Amino acid sequence: MSQQVSNEQAVEERLRTFIDAVNESEPYEEFVAANDRLEADSEAMALIREYQQKRRQMQQGGFDDSVMSELQELREEMNDNETIRAQREAREALISLLQDTNEVISEQIGREFAQSTGGGCC
C-alpha cells in the first residue's frame, strides 16, 4: 500500500507541476487577459447577451426567419467586435495547447488520454 501512496503522491506532484506550467504559459495568460478585457467591455458583453437571448428565443419558439436574421446580424457584429474576436482567438490558442498536451500524454501512455465517452450535457 505504501508504494501505491508513493505513486499517487508522485503523480499529484507532477500534475501540480503541469498545472503550474499551463498557468504560466503564454496561451493561458493571454486567455485570462482576453477574458478580463471581455468582461470589462460592456458593449461586447451586451452583444453576447443579446445573441444568447435570441438563440434561446429561437430554440424555444421554433424556426423563425426574422429571429434567424437577427441572429445572423448579431453573429456578424460579434465577429467584427475586436474584444470578442481577441477572446475567441485566445481561447482557441489555449484549446490548441491543451489538445497538443493531450496528444503527447496519449502517445506516452499508449492510449487515448482525454477521450470522450459520448456522455455529458453539452
C-alpha atoms as a PDB file:
ATOM      1  CA  MET A   1       0.000   0.000   0.000  1.00  0.00           C
ATOM      2  CA  SER A   2       2.846   2.447   0.724  1.00  0.00           C
ATOM      3  CA  GLN A   3       4.073   2.006  -2.881  1.00  0.00           C
ATOM      4  CA  GLN A   4       0.595   2.954  -4.136  1.00  0.00           C
ATOM      5  CA  VAL A   5       0.531   6.057  -1.909  1.00  0.00           C
ATOM      6  CA  SER A   6       4.039   6.947  -3.064  1.00  0.00           C
ATOM      7  CA  ASN A   7       2.998   6.562  -6.733  1.00  0.00           C
ATOM      8  CA  GLU A   8      -0.123   8.657  -6.174  1.00  0.00           C
ATOM      9  CA  GLN A   9       1.926  11.374  -4.484  1.00  0.00           C
ATOM     10  CA  ALA A  10       4.395  11.372  -7.381  1.00  0.00           C
ATOM     11  CA  VAL A  11       1.544  11.699  -9.883  1.00  0.00           C
ATOM     12  CA  GLU A  12      -0.032  14.533  -7.865  1.00  0.00           C
ATOM     13  CA  GLU A  13       3.304  16.335  -7.659  1.00  0.00           C
ATOM     14  CA  ARG A  14       3.846  16.050 -11.400  1.00  0.00           C
ATOM     15  CA  LEU A  15       0.273  17.123 -12.021  1.00  0.00           C
ATOM     16  CA  ARG A  16       0.825  20.258  -9.944  1.00  0.00           C
ATOM     17  CA  THR A  17       3.980  20.953 -11.975  1.00  0.00           C
ATOM     18  CA  PHE A  18       1.992  20.510 -15.202  1.00  0.00           C
ATOM     19  CA  ILE A  19      -0.784  22.814 -13.968  1.00  0.00           C
ATOM     20  CA  ASP A  20       1.779  25.444 -12.994  1.00  0.00           C
ATOM     21  CA  ALA A  21       3.332  25.180 -16.462  1.00  0.00           C
ATOM     22  CA  VAL A  22      -0.069  25.642 -18.129  1.00  0.00           C
ATOM     23  CA  ASN A  23      -0.878  28.593 -15.843  1.00  0.00           C
ATOM     24  CA  GLU A  24       2.439  30.224 -16.758  1.00  0.00           C
ATOM     25  CA  SER A  25       2.112  29.558 -20.495  1.00  0.00           C
ATOM     26  CA  GLU A  26       1.594  32.408 -22.924  1.00  0.00           C
ATOM     27  CA  PRO A  27      -1.685  30.987 -24.328  1.00  0.00           C
ATOM     28  CA  TYR A  28      -3.184  30.720 -20.838  1.00  0.00           C
ATOM     29  CA  GLU A  29      -2.024  34.172 -19.770  1.00  0.00           C
ATOM     30  CA  GLU A  30      -3.398  35.663 -22.999  1.00  0.00           C
ATOM     31  CA  PHE A  31      -6.686  33.813 -22.483  1.00  0.00           C
ATOM     32  CA  VAL A  32      -7.067  35.184 -18.940  1.00  0.00           C
ATOM     33  CA  ALA A  33      -6.220  38.708 -20.099  1.00  0.00           C
ATOM     34  CA  ALA A  34      -8.649  38.467 -23.040  1.00  0.00           C
ATOM     35  CA  ASN A  35     -11.396  37.205 -20.718  1.00  0.00           C
ATOM     36  CA  ASP A  36     -10.769  40.111 -18.343  1.00  0.00           C
ATOM     37  CA  ARG A  37     -10.969  42.584 -21.240  1.00  0.00           C
ATOM     38  CA  LEU A  38     -14.179  40.954 -22.456  1.00  0.00           C
ATOM     39  CA  GLU A  39     -15.819  41.111 -19.040  1.00  0.00           C
ATOM     40  CA  ALA A  40     -14.873  44.800 -18.778  1.00  0.00           C
ATOM     41  CA  ASP A  41     -16.251  45.636 -22.239  1.00  0.00           C
ATOM     42  CA  SER A  42     -19.924  46.458 -21.686  1.00  0.00           C
ATOM     43  CA  GLU A  43     -20.656  46.727 -25.413  1.00  0.00           C
ATOM     44  CA  ALA A  44     -19.190  43.313 -26.159  1.00  0.00           C
ATOM     45  CA  MET A  45     -20.979  41.746 -23.205  1.00  0.00           C
ATOM     46  CA  ALA A  46     -24.279  43.298 -24.326  1.00  0.00           C
ATOM     47  CA  LEU A  47     -23.796  41.781 -27.794  1.00  0.00           C
ATOM     48  CA  ILE A  48     -23.136  38.357 -26.293  1.00  0.00           C
ATOM     49  CA  ARG A  49     -26.169  38.585 -24.001  1.00  0.00           C
ATOM     50  CA  GLU A  50     -28.408  39.682 -26.866  1.00  0.00           C
ATOM     51  CA  TYR A  51     -27.121  36.858 -29.065  1.00  0.00           C
ATOM     52  CA  GLN A  52     -27.721  34.303 -26.310  1.00  0.00           C
ATOM     53  CA  GLN A  53     -31.216  35.674 -25.673  1.00  0.00           C
ATOM     54  CA  LYS A  54     -32.112  35.466 -29.373  1.00  0.00           C
ATOM     55  CA  ARG A  55     -30.712  31.962 -29.593  1.00  0.00           C
ATOM     56  CA  ARG A  56     -32.854  30.860 -26.629  1.00  0.00           C
ATOM     57  CA  GLN A  57     -35.847  32.533 -28.250  1.00  0.00           C
ATOM     58  CA  MET A  58     -35.178  30.562 -31.430  1.00  0.00           C
ATOM     59  CA  GLN A  59     -34.787  27.283 -29.522  1.00  0.00           C
ATOM     60  CA  GLN A  60     -37.973  27.775 -27.538  1.00  0.00           C
ATOM     61  CA  GLY A  61     -40.138  29.210 -30.271  1.00  0.00           C
ATOM     62  CA  GLY A  62     -39.061  27.137 -33.228  1.00  0.00           C
ATOM     63  CA  PHE A  63     -37.653  28.381 -36.501  1.00  0.00           C
ATOM     64  CA  ASP A  64     -38.451  31.982 -37.289  1.00  0.00           C
ATOM     65  CA  ASP A  65     -36.942  33.809 -40.274  1.00  0.00           C
ATOM     66  CA  SER A  66     -36.839  37.176 -38.506  1.00  0.00           C
ATOM     67  CA  VAL A  67     -35.127  35.793 -35.401  1.00  0.00           C
ATOM     68  CA  MET A  68     -32.726  33.824 -37.599  1.00  0.00           C
ATOM     69  CA  SER A  69     -31.906  37.025 -39.484  1.00  0.00           C
ATOM     70  CA  GLU A  70     -31.326  38.876 -36.202  1.00  0.00           C
ATOM     71  CA  LEU A  71     -29.074  36.046 -35.012  1.00  0.00           C
ATOM     72  CA  GLN A  72     -27.016  36.281 -38.194  1.00  0.00           C
ATOM     73  CA  GLU A  73     -26.660  40.063 -37.814  1.00  0.00           C
ATOM     74  CA  LEU A  74     -25.622  39.676 -34.185  1.00  0.00           C
ATOM     75  CA  ARG A  75     -23.109  36.985 -35.124  1.00  0.00           C
ATOM     76  CA  GLU A  76     -21.582  39.345 -37.696  1.00  0.00           C
ATOM     77  CA  GLU A  77     -21.418  42.158 -35.132  1.00  0.00           C
ATOM     78  CA  MET A  78     -19.733  39.786 -32.688  1.00  0.00           C
ATOM     79  CA  ASN A  79     -17.242  38.733 -35.388  1.00  0.00           C
ATOM     80  CA  ASP A  80     -16.460  42.398 -36.029  1.00  0.00           C
ATOM     81  CA  ASN A  81     -16.011  43.202 -32.334  1.00  0.00           C
ATOM     82  CA  GLU A  82     -12.279  43.292 -31.545  1.00  0.00           C
ATOM     83  CA  THR A  83     -12.701  42.301 -27.879  1.00  0.00           C
ATOM     84  CA  ILE A  84     -14.849  39.274 -28.691  1.00  0.00           C
ATOM     85  CA  ARG A  85     -12.568  38.255 -31.559  1.00  0.00           C
ATOM     86  CA  ALA A  86      -9.461  38.526 -29.346  1.00  0.00           C
ATOM     87  CA  GLN A  87     -11.089  36.416 -26.629  1.00  0.00           C
ATOM     88  CA  ARG A  88     -12.135  33.777 -29.179  1.00  0.00           C
ATOM     89  CA  GLU A  89      -8.617  33.638 -30.665  1.00  0.00           C
ATOM     90  CA  ALA A  90      -7.046  33.370 -27.196  1.00  0.00           C
ATOM     91  CA  ARG A  91      -9.493  30.589 -26.275  1.00  0.00           C
ATOM     92  CA  GLU A  92      -8.678  28.714 -29.490  1.00  0.00           C
ATOM     93  CA  ALA A  93      -4.925  29.033 -28.808  1.00  0.00           C
ATOM     94  CA  LEU A  94      -5.386  27.648 -25.293  1.00  0.00           C
ATOM     95  CA  ILE A  95      -7.538  24.788 -26.573  1.00  0.00           C
ATOM     96  CA  SER A  96      -4.855  24.013 -29.143  1.00  0.00           C
ATOM     97  CA  LEU A  97      -2.194  23.887 -26.417  1.00  0.00           C
ATOM     98  CA  LEU A  98      -4.342  21.552 -24.322  1.00  0.00           C
ATOM     99  CA  GLN A  99      -5.081  19.323 -27.320  1.00  0.00           C
ATOM    100  CA  ASP A 100      -1.358  19.131 -28.046  1.00  0.00           C
ATOM    101  CA  THR A 101      -0.644  18.129 -24.448  1.00  0.00           C
ATOM    102  CA  ASN A 102      -3.392  15.518 -24.664  1.00  0.00           C
ATOM    103  CA  GLU A 103      -1.737  14.053 -27.758  1.00  0.00           C
ATOM    104  CA  VAL A 104       1.648  13.891 -26.021  1.00  0.00           C
ATOM    105  CA  ILE A 105       0.156  12.236 -22.933  1.00  0.00           C
ATOM    106  CA  SER A 106      -1.808   9.795 -25.097  1.00  0.00           C
ATOM    107  CA  GLU A 107       1.338   8.915 -27.032  1.00  0.00           C
ATOM    108  CA  GLN A 108       3.309   8.351 -23.829  1.00  0.00           C
ATOM    109  CA  ILE A 109       0.714   6.090 -22.197  1.00  0.00           C
ATOM    110  CA  GLY A 110      -0.214   4.254 -25.384  1.00  0.00           C
ATOM    111  CA  ARG A 111      -3.930   5.069 -25.298  1.00  0.00           C
ATOM    112  CA  GLU A 112      -6.289   7.987 -25.697  1.00  0.00           C
ATOM    113  CA  PHE A 113      -5.938  10.088 -22.558  1.00  0.00           C
ATOM    114  CA  ALA A 114      -8.834  12.571 -22.726  1.00  0.00           C
ATOM    115  CA  GLN A 115     -11.314  10.531 -24.672  1.00  0.00           C
ATOM    116  CA  SER A 116     -14.969  11.455 -24.894  1.00  0.00           C
ATOM    117  CA  THR A 117     -17.266   8.634 -23.921  1.00  0.00           C
ATOM    118  CA  GLY A 118     -20.240  10.253 -25.589  1.00  0.00           C
ATOM    119  CA  GLY A 119     -21.846  11.336 -22.334  1.00  0.00           C
ATOM    120  CA  GLY A 120     -22.186  14.719 -20.781  1.00  0.00           C
ATOM    121  CA  CYS A 121     -24.599  17.539 -21.069  1.00  0.00           C
ATOM    122  CA  CYS A 122     -23.078  19.698 -23.777  1.00  0.00           C
END
